């Protein structure tokens, strides 16, 4: 049989094992896996490198259409950063674009804004906000992979603003009932809005302005309480649940207990909670501000234990960029979001696999197959015959220091600037086409597609 591409001699991460073998591609799909494959128009020698499924990043914020946020991060730069970082599929949040993605019309506005700009594939979440419960079905009919809501304060409560807004408990309950009827998953940002807001106001009135002051206004119990509340209401309504960017082992433990009790729930965390601790946040400053916040070293160590034990299903970037001016004016005024999309594979391979001995199969599950499975992306997330030929080839033990010039983001800054990272993406392949190569950059752009389920 003739093939379009064969990747040879790499350590290939399959479903239940990692071994040195070859992978062949035909018409954008994986056609064969085995040693000694031949007969391809093109070959890539991956000797000494890791061949992993392309990352499926289940938490990415892009801002096309942008409105007053047009300068934050569009599809063009955001998906180029994904390609450079080894991510082949992004699951996009329904905010911070303007208008927020809350019904059929706004979803189509988003699709139009991304037309001809995608360097990787993009699946979409719809939003659950106070004023769209009667329109949630529209998004399901258009093929969104799930929904997102906030229990912490966000956006604007004005339905005419076009912005996103958090829900109260009644709106959450009614939304969960509708999503259970639709059979869709709800992703939740879980922090107690009132307590976090008032602790923040108290800190500002007291003149506090350090990174540690900010962390103290969003204590672990505010995350745990919101997770428990979400789990209880999901159990009452039968709604499938996914807890976003959990930052504490105590919150993960709540998910583990609910799952063991038979509840349909998963959770994710983010690379910055594992790579940066509170003391480093203090040094980096507002570039590392996010919510829930980066916590102390003891919290981080115990979170690592949860990850290595398999209690955290997905690793995401929670890429939430902004313009540089929005990171100024003090820690409490600064935008809470980290630009991280380009660095997830490098950092987690270094920190989890190289430094802590995570098995390669587990690495591929948390980065690729688990999020693909959870969000119904049936052709993504695995190196197996019949799946999309999406790969990231990783060069291990290959140190580099990240600089702003390396970044593909529209606004070239990140909390990871200056970090010595011990592995790097060598090649990214989307449906059999090389879209990034180390030393050559991103090419074959705009091969990405919007995905529906």
Protein backbone atom coordinates (compact mmCIF):
# COMPACT_ATOMS: atom_id res chain seq x y z
CA UNK A 1 0.00 0.00 0.00
CA UNK A 2 1.22 3.52 -0.72
CA UNK A 3 1.08 6.18 1.96
CA UNK A 4 1.30 9.94 2.03
CA UNK A 5 3.56 10.04 5.10
CA UNK A 6 5.41 7.65 7.37
CA UNK A 7 6.85 8.71 10.73
CA UNK A 8 9.69 6.27 11.40
CA UNK A 9 11.77 5.13 14.37
CA UNK A 10 10.11 7.27 17.06
CA UNK A 11 8.84 6.16 20.45
CA UNK A 12 5.13 6.14 19.63
CA UNK A 13 2.56 6.51 22.41
CA UNK A 14 -0.29 4.10 21.70
CA UNK A 15 -3.37 3.37 23.79
CA UNK A 16 -1.74 1.05 26.32
CA UNK A 17 1.97 1.14 25.54
CA UNK A 18 4.79 3.24 24.13
CA UNK A 19 7.21 1.55 21.76
CA UNK A 20 9.61 2.27 18.92
CA UNK A 21 7.62 1.76 15.74
CA UNK A 22 6.40 3.47 12.57
CA UNK A 23 3.12 5.26 11.82
CA UNK A 24 1.72 5.66 8.31
CA UNK A 25 -0.77 8.25 7.08
CA UNK A 26 -3.11 8.21 4.08
CA UNK A 27 -5.59 10.96 3.19
CA UNK A 28 -5.19 12.66 6.57
CA UNK A 29 -5.96 9.54 8.59
CA UNK A 30 -3.72 7.04 10.39
CA UNK A 31 -3.55 4.05 8.03
CA UNK A 32 -1.07 1.71 9.75
CA UNK A 33 1.07 1.30 12.85
CA UNK A 34 3.96 -1.15 12.83
CA UNK A 35 7.67 -1.66 12.29
CA UNK A 36 9.26 -1.52 8.87
CA UNK A 37 6.51 0.41 7.09
CA UNK A 38 7.48 1.72 3.65
CA UNK A 39 6.03 3.14 0.46
CA UNK A 40 5.40 6.78 1.40
CA UNK A 41 5.76 9.97 -0.58
CA UNK A 42 7.37 11.56 2.50
CA UNK A 43 9.14 10.19 5.56
CA UNK A 44 9.98 11.80 8.90
CA UNK A 45 12.75 10.19 10.94
CA UNK A 46 11.75 10.56 14.60
CA UNK A 47 14.62 8.54 16.07
CA UNK A 48 15.27 9.57 19.66
CA UNK A 49 11.99 11.49 19.83
CA UNK A 50 8.52 10.94 21.27
CA UNK A 51 5.55 10.68 18.92
CA UNK A 52 2.43 11.61 20.88
CA UNK A 53 -1.13 12.38 19.81
CA UNK A 54 -1.51 16.10 19.16
CA UNK A 55 -2.65 17.86 22.30
CA UNK A 56 -6.39 18.42 22.68
CA UNK A 57 -6.47 21.57 24.79
CA UNK A 58 -9.89 21.65 26.43
CA UNK A 59 -9.67 25.21 27.73
CA UNK A 60 -8.68 28.03 25.35
CA UNK A 61 -9.88 31.66 25.23
CA UNK A 62 -9.67 33.43 21.86
CA UNK A 63 -11.26 36.78 21.03
CA UNK A 64 -12.57 36.66 17.49
CA UNK A 65 -14.86 38.50 17.05
CA UNK A 66 -13.20 40.94 19.41
CA UNK A 67 -15.25 44.10 19.72
CA UNK A 68 -13.44 46.21 22.30
CA UNK A 69 -11.18 43.18 22.91
CA UNK A 70 -10.07 42.90 19.29
CA UNK A 71 -6.42 43.40 20.28
CA UNK A 72 -6.34 40.49 22.75
CA UNK A 73 -5.91 37.25 20.77
CA UNK A 74 -7.54 36.32 17.47
CA UNK A 75 -7.80 33.01 15.66
CA UNK A 76 -4.82 33.85 13.45
CA UNK A 77 -2.25 34.27 16.23
CA UNK A 78 -3.90 31.97 18.77
CA UNK A 79 -4.01 28.93 16.52
CA UNK A 80 -0.47 29.59 15.24
CA UNK A 81 0.65 29.48 18.89
CA UNK A 82 -1.23 26.22 19.30
CA UNK A 83 0.53 24.73 16.27
CA UNK A 84 3.95 25.78 17.55
CA UNK A 85 3.14 24.30 20.93
CA UNK A 86 2.00 20.88 19.70
CA UNK A 87 -1.73 21.44 20.16
CA UNK A 88 -3.76 20.22 17.19
CA UNK A 89 -7.26 20.76 18.62
CA UNK A 90 -8.47 23.63 20.80
CA UNK A 91 -11.78 23.61 22.64
CA UNK A 92 -12.71 27.25 22.71
CA UNK A 93 -14.50 28.94 25.58
CA UNK A 94 -17.67 30.99 24.84
CA UNK A 95 -15.99 34.12 26.24
CA UNK A 96 -13.99 36.55 26.02
CA UNK A 97 -15.04 37.21 22.46
CA UNK A 98 -17.68 39.84 21.74
CA UNK A 99 -20.45 38.89 21.47
CA UNK A 100 -20.22 35.91 23.81
CA UNK A 101 -21.29 32.59 22.29
CA UNK A 102 -24.71 32.06 23.88
CA UNK A 103 -27.07 31.16 21.02
CA UNK A 104 -27.23 30.12 17.38
CA UNK A 105 -26.65 33.60 16.00
CA UNK A 106 -23.58 34.37 18.10
CA UNK A 107 -22.09 30.96 17.33
CA UNK A 108 -22.36 31.68 13.62
CA UNK A 109 -20.82 35.13 14.12
CA UNK A 110 -17.84 33.36 15.70
CA UNK A 111 -17.55 30.86 12.86
CA UNK A 112 -17.58 33.68 10.33
CA UNK A 113 -14.86 35.51 12.26
CA UNK A 114 -12.62 32.44 12.15
CA UNK A 115 -13.12 31.57 8.51
CA UNK A 116 -9.77 31.08 6.79
CA UNK A 117 -7.75 31.83 9.95
CA UNK A 118 -7.37 28.47 11.73
CA UNK A 119 -3.99 26.75 11.84
CA UNK A 120 -5.39 23.96 14.06
CA UNK A 121 -8.86 22.51 14.58
CA UNK A 122 -11.24 24.30 16.93
CA UNK A 123 -14.30 22.91 18.73
CA UNK A 124 -16.65 25.25 20.57
CA UNK A 125 -18.40 25.47 23.90
CA UNK A 126 -21.62 27.39 24.26
CA UNK A 127 -22.30 29.58 27.26
CA UNK A 128 -24.81 29.21 30.09
CA UNK A 129 -25.67 32.74 31.25
CA UNK A 130 -28.66 34.17 33.17
CA UNK A 131 -30.64 35.14 30.08
CA UNK A 132 -30.22 32.26 27.61
CA UNK A 133 -31.65 29.13 29.24
CA UNK A 134 -34.48 29.05 26.70
CA UNK A 135 -31.90 29.13 23.87
CA UNK A 136 -29.43 26.51 25.06
CA UNK A 137 -30.96 24.00 22.65
CA UNK A 138 -29.88 26.17 19.70
CA UNK A 139 -26.23 25.60 20.50
CA UNK A 140 -26.74 21.85 20.87
CA UNK A 141 -28.44 21.75 17.49
CA UNK A 142 -25.40 23.48 15.98
CA UNK A 143 -22.97 20.90 17.39
CA UNK A 144 -21.17 22.53 20.32
CA UNK A 145 -19.19 19.99 22.36
CA UNK A 146 -20.43 21.31 25.70
CA UNK A 147 -21.31 24.40 27.73
CA UNK A 148 -19.51 26.69 30.17
CA UNK A 149 -20.71 28.73 33.12
CA UNK A 150 -19.14 30.75 35.93
CA UNK A 151 -19.92 30.60 39.62
CA UNK A 152 -17.35 33.34 40.21
CA UNK A 153 -18.08 36.90 39.10
CA UNK A 154 -17.35 37.66 35.46
CA UNK A 155 -18.40 39.93 32.62
CA UNK A 156 -21.50 42.11 32.64
CA UNK A 157 -25.05 41.33 33.82
CA UNK A 158 -26.47 43.56 31.08
CA UNK A 159 -27.90 41.21 28.40
CA UNK A 160 -27.45 43.94 25.78
CA UNK A 161 -23.70 44.30 26.42
CA UNK A 162 -22.79 41.20 24.43
CA UNK A 163 -20.54 40.09 27.28
CA UNK A 164 -20.65 36.91 29.35
CA UNK A 165 -22.04 36.79 32.91
CA UNK A 166 -21.95 34.40 35.84
CA UNK A 167 -25.06 32.54 37.01
CA UNK A 168 -26.69 32.39 40.43
CA UNK A 169 -27.75 29.10 42.01
CA UNK A 170 -31.27 29.17 40.59
CA UNK A 171 -29.99 29.86 37.07
CA UNK A 172 -27.40 27.11 37.50
CA UNK A 173 -30.07 24.65 38.61
CA UNK A 174 -32.42 25.48 35.74
CA UNK A 175 -29.57 25.41 33.23
CA UNK A 176 -28.42 22.03 34.50
CA UNK A 177 -31.94 20.65 34.10
CA UNK A 178 -32.02 21.76 30.47
CA UNK A 179 -28.52 20.45 29.70
CA UNK A 180 -29.42 17.11 31.28
CA UNK A 181 -32.39 16.98 28.91
CA UNK A 182 -30.09 17.79 25.99
CA UNK A 183 -27.50 15.23 27.14
CA UNK A 184 -24.74 17.84 27.15
CA UNK A 185 -21.82 18.38 29.50
CA UNK A 186 -21.49 21.53 31.61
CA UNK A 187 -18.02 22.95 32.36
CA UNK A 188 -17.85 25.10 35.48
CA UNK A 189 -15.51 27.75 36.82
CA UNK A 190 -16.03 26.98 40.50
CA UNK A 191 -15.25 29.71 43.04
CA UNK A 192 -17.62 31.27 45.58
CA UNK A 193 -18.35 34.66 44.00
CA UNK A 194 -19.55 36.59 47.03
CA UNK A 195 -16.77 35.53 49.40
CA UNK A 196 -13.97 36.05 46.84
CA UNK A 197 -15.36 39.44 45.79
CA UNK A 198 -15.71 40.74 49.32
CA UNK A 199 -12.32 39.45 50.44
CA UNK A 200 -10.86 41.23 47.41
CA UNK A 201 -12.66 44.47 48.29
CA UNK A 202 -11.40 44.22 51.87
CA UNK A 203 -7.82 43.78 50.65
CA UNK A 204 -8.02 46.77 48.32
CA UNK A 205 -9.48 48.98 51.08
CA UNK A 206 -6.61 47.89 53.34
CA UNK A 207 -4.07 48.92 50.69
CA UNK A 208 -2.82 45.42 50.06
CA UNK A 209 -1.29 44.79 46.62
CA UNK A 210 1.04 41.79 46.54
CA UNK A 211 0.58 38.51 44.74
CA UNK A 212 0.25 36.72 48.07
CA UNK A 213 -2.40 39.23 49.14
CA UNK A 214 -4.36 38.31 46.02
CA UNK A 215 -4.03 34.57 46.68
CA UNK A 216 -5.33 35.12 50.23
CA UNK A 217 -8.56 36.59 48.85
CA UNK A 218 -9.37 33.36 46.99
CA UNK A 219 -8.68 30.68 49.62
CA UNK A 220 -8.98 26.97 48.92
CA UNK A 221 -12.30 26.63 50.73
CA UNK A 222 -13.97 29.02 48.25
CA UNK A 223 -13.07 26.62 45.44
CA UNK A 224 -14.06 23.52 47.39
CA UNK A 225 -17.44 25.00 48.41
CA UNK A 226 -18.31 25.88 44.83
CA UNK A 227 -17.23 22.44 43.58
CA UNK A 228 -19.41 20.76 46.21
CA UNK A 229 -22.38 22.95 45.29
CA UNK A 230 -21.96 22.22 41.60
CA UNK A 231 -21.64 18.49 42.23
CA UNK A 232 -24.76 18.42 44.41
CA UNK A 233 -26.91 20.28 41.88
CA UNK A 234 -25.56 18.13 39.04
CA UNK A 235 -26.50 15.02 41.00
CA UNK A 236 -30.00 16.38 41.59
CA UNK A 237 -30.51 17.24 37.92
CA UNK A 238 -28.58 14.41 36.23
CA UNK A 239 -26.32 16.89 34.44
CA UNK A 240 -22.90 15.70 33.23
CA UNK A 241 -20.19 17.85 34.76
CA UNK A 242 -16.62 18.92 34.06
CA UNK A 243 -14.84 21.06 36.66
CA UNK A 244 -12.43 23.53 35.09
CA UNK A 245 -8.89 24.48 36.16
CA UNK A 246 -8.95 23.02 39.68
CA UNK A 247 -6.10 24.51 41.69
CA UNK A 248 -6.26 22.57 44.96
CA UNK A 249 -6.02 18.88 45.89
CA UNK A 250 -9.03 19.33 48.16
CA UNK A 251 -11.19 20.30 45.18
CA UNK A 252 -9.89 17.33 43.18
CA UNK A 253 -10.76 15.07 46.09
CA UNK A 254 -14.40 16.18 45.91
CA UNK A 255 -14.51 15.14 42.26
CA UNK A 256 -12.87 11.80 43.05
CA UNK A 257 -15.44 11.05 45.76
CA UNK A 258 -18.36 11.96 43.51
CA UNK A 259 -16.99 9.84 40.67
CA UNK A 260 -16.54 6.84 42.96
CA UNK A 261 -20.17 7.31 44.02
CA UNK A 262 -21.25 6.95 40.41
CA UNK A 263 -21.60 10.56 39.31
CA UNK A 264 -20.73 11.49 35.71
CA UNK A 265 -17.99 14.05 36.43
CA UNK A 266 -14.48 14.85 35.27
CA UNK A 267 -12.00 17.58 36.07
CA UNK A 268 -9.03 19.42 34.62
CA UNK A 269 -6.11 21.43 35.88
CA UNK A 270 -3.53 23.65 34.21
CA UNK A 271 0.21 23.62 33.73
CA UNK A 272 0.78 26.81 35.70
CA UNK A 273 -0.50 25.24 38.92
CA UNK A 274 2.23 22.58 38.58
CA UNK A 275 5.08 24.70 37.18
CA UNK A 276 4.75 27.91 39.24
CA UNK A 277 4.17 28.29 42.98
CA UNK A 278 3.08 31.27 45.07
CA UNK A 279 6.62 32.47 45.77
CA UNK A 280 7.40 32.45 42.04
CA UNK A 281 4.10 34.24 41.36
CA UNK A 282 5.30 36.98 43.69
CA UNK A 283 8.44 37.40 41.56
CA UNK A 284 6.76 37.12 38.14
CA UNK A 285 3.95 39.48 39.08
CA UNK A 286 0.71 40.12 37.23
CA UNK A 287 1.67 38.03 34.19
CA UNK A 288 1.02 35.02 36.44
CA UNK A 289 -2.28 36.27 37.85
CA UNK A 290 -5.22 33.95 37.22
CA UNK A 291 -8.24 32.60 39.02
CA UNK A 292 -8.31 30.32 40.87
CA UNK A 293 -4.88 31.58 41.87
CA UNK A 294 -1.50 29.91 41.84
CA UNK A 295 -1.03 28.59 45.39
CA UNK A 296 1.81 27.68 47.73
CA UNK A 297 4.40 24.92 47.37
CA UNK A 298 2.68 22.50 49.73
CA UNK A 299 -0.55 22.83 47.75
CA UNK A 300 1.41 22.26 44.53
CA UNK A 301 3.13 19.14 45.85
CA UNK A 302 -0.18 17.62 46.92
CA UNK A 303 -1.75 18.54 43.57
CA UNK A 304 1.08 16.64 41.87
CA UNK A 305 0.12 13.60 43.94
CA UNK A 306 -3.43 13.82 42.60
CA UNK A 307 -2.21 14.15 39.02
CA UNK A 308 0.21 11.23 39.25
CA UNK A 309 -2.55 9.11 40.80
CA UNK A 310 -4.79 9.74 37.79
CA UNK A 311 -7.41 11.77 39.64
CA UNK A 312 -7.12 14.76 37.26
CA UNK A 313 -8.52 13.80 33.85
CA UNK A 314 -7.23 16.57 31.58
CA UNK A 315 -4.38 19.03 31.45
CA UNK A 316 -5.28 22.35 29.83
CA UNK A 317 -3.65 25.72 29.22
CA UNK A 318 -6.57 27.98 30.19
CA UNK A 319 -4.97 30.34 27.68
CA UNK A 320 -6.53 33.68 28.66
CA UNK A 321 -4.55 36.48 27.02
CA UNK A 322 -4.98 40.25 27.12
CA UNK A 323 -3.11 43.40 26.11
CA UNK A 324 -0.05 44.45 28.16
CA UNK A 325 -1.79 47.49 29.68
CA UNK A 326 -4.32 45.20 31.36
CA UNK A 327 -1.52 43.62 33.40
CA UNK A 328 -0.62 47.01 34.90
CA UNK A 329 -2.04 49.10 37.73
CA UNK A 330 -1.50 46.70 40.62
CA UNK A 331 -2.29 43.03 41.23
CA UNK A 332 -5.99 43.51 42.03
CA UNK A 333 -6.67 45.65 38.96
CA UNK A 334 -4.71 43.42 36.57
CA UNK A 335 -6.51 41.05 34.20
CA UNK A 336 -6.63 37.53 35.63
CA UNK A 337 -5.40 35.25 32.90
CA UNK A 338 -2.19 33.57 31.72
CA UNK A 339 -0.99 33.27 28.14
CA UNK A 340 -0.02 29.59 28.05
CA UNK A 341 -1.29 27.87 24.90
CA UNK A 342 2.12 27.60 23.26
CA UNK A 343 3.92 26.09 26.27
CA UNK A 344 1.67 23.32 27.64
CA UNK A 345 3.26 20.31 25.91
CA UNK A 346 6.86 21.40 26.54
CA UNK A 347 6.33 22.22 30.20
CA UNK A 348 4.20 19.23 31.14
CA UNK A 349 6.46 16.76 29.31
CA UNK A 350 9.43 18.23 31.16
CA UNK A 351 7.77 18.49 34.57
CA UNK A 352 5.64 15.32 34.53
CA UNK A 353 7.55 12.84 32.37
CA UNK A 354 11.19 13.89 32.65
CA UNK A 355 11.31 15.19 36.21
CA UNK A 356 8.70 12.98 37.91
CA UNK A 357 8.59 9.82 35.82
CA UNK A 358 5.01 9.92 34.58
CA UNK A 359 4.49 7.02 32.14
CA UNK A 360 4.18 8.16 28.53
CA UNK A 361 0.77 6.49 28.22
CA UNK A 362 -0.53 8.58 31.13
CA UNK A 363 0.93 11.74 29.60
CA UNK A 364 -0.94 11.13 26.34
CA UNK A 365 -4.16 10.40 28.19
CA UNK A 366 -4.19 13.67 30.16
CA UNK A 367 -3.04 15.77 27.20
CA UNK A 368 -5.04 14.16 24.39
CA UNK A 369 -7.26 11.10 24.71
CA UNK A 370 -9.14 12.00 27.90
CA UNK A 371 -10.28 15.45 26.67
CA UNK A 372 -11.11 14.03 23.23
CA UNK A 373 -13.26 11.33 24.84
CA UNK A 374 -14.96 13.65 27.30
CA UNK A 375 -16.03 16.11 24.63
CA UNK A 376 -17.02 13.58 22.00
CA UNK A 377 -14.21 14.26 19.50
CA UNK A 378 -14.20 10.71 18.19
CA UNK A 379 -11.46 11.12 15.55
CA UNK A 380 -9.05 12.90 17.90
CA UNK A 381 -6.73 12.13 20.77
CA UNK A 382 -5.15 8.77 19.89
CA UNK A 383 -2.56 7.22 17.63
CA UNK A 384 -4.67 4.40 16.22
CA UNK A 385 -5.74 3.28 12.77
CA UNK A 386 -8.71 5.31 11.56
CA UNK A 387 -8.06 8.35 13.76
CA UNK A 388 -7.07 11.74 12.39
CA UNK A 389 -3.32 11.88 11.77
CA UNK A 390 -2.68 14.55 14.44
CA UNK A 391 0.74 14.25 16.07
CA UNK A 392 3.19 16.17 18.18
CA UNK A 393 6.79 14.99 17.92
CA UNK A 394 8.62 15.94 21.12
CA UNK A 395 12.37 16.33 21.44
CA UNK A 396 13.23 15.23 25.00
CA UNK A 397 16.15 16.50 27.08
CA UNK A 398 16.34 19.59 24.88
CA UNK A 399 16.65 22.65 27.07
CA UNK A 400 15.79 26.15 25.94
CA UNK A 401 14.90 29.43 27.65
CA UNK A 402 11.57 30.88 26.52
CA UNK A 403 11.77 34.49 25.30
CA UNK A 404 9.09 36.88 24.14
CA UNK A 405 10.48 36.62 20.60
CA UNK A 406 9.60 32.90 20.61
CA UNK A 407 5.91 33.59 21.17
CA UNK A 408 3.31 33.51 18.40
CA UNK A 409 0.74 35.37 20.52
CA UNK A 410 -0.59 38.72 19.35
CA UNK A 411 0.69 40.18 22.63
CA UNK A 412 4.07 38.61 23.18
CA UNK A 413 4.26 38.04 26.90
CA UNK A 414 3.76 35.06 29.18
CA UNK A 415 4.30 34.00 32.77
CA UNK A 416 6.78 31.46 31.38
CA UNK A 417 9.18 34.00 29.84
CA UNK A 418 12.73 33.38 31.08
CA UNK A 419 11.93 29.83 32.14
CA UNK A 420 14.43 27.07 31.33
CA UNK A 421 12.28 24.31 29.80
CA UNK A 422 13.80 20.86 29.35
CA UNK A 423 11.91 19.58 26.27
CA UNK A 424 10.49 21.10 23.13
CA UNK A 425 8.07 20.41 20.33
CA UNK A 426 10.02 19.39 17.24
CA UNK A 427 7.13 18.91 14.78
CA UNK A 428 3.36 19.33 14.81
CA UNK A 429 1.21 17.48 12.27
CA UNK A 430 -2.48 18.12 11.60
CA UNK A 431 -4.36 15.51 9.58
CA UNK A 432 -1.12 14.33 8.02
CA UNK A 433 0.25 17.77 7.14
CA UNK A 434 3.25 19.28 8.90
CA UNK A 435 2.16 22.65 10.29
CA UNK A 436 5.17 23.42 12.50
CA UNK A 437 8.82 22.38 12.56
CA UNK A 438 11.49 23.45 15.02
CA UNK A 439 13.85 25.90 13.38
CA UNK A 440 11.46 26.58 10.51
CA UNK A 441 8.40 27.88 12.31
CA UNK A 442 4.69 27.58 11.55
CA UNK A 443 3.84 26.87 7.93
CA UNK A 444 0.94 25.43 5.93
CA UNK A 445 -1.28 27.79 7.96
CA UNK A 446 -5.07 27.84 7.85
CA UNK A 447 -5.46 24.07 7.53
CA UNK A 448 -7.63 23.96 10.64
CA UNK A 449 -11.39 23.45 10.73
CA UNK A 450 -14.22 24.13 13.13
CA UNK A 451 -15.38 20.83 14.63
CA UNK A 452 -18.94 19.90 15.62
CA UNK A 453 -20.47 16.84 17.27
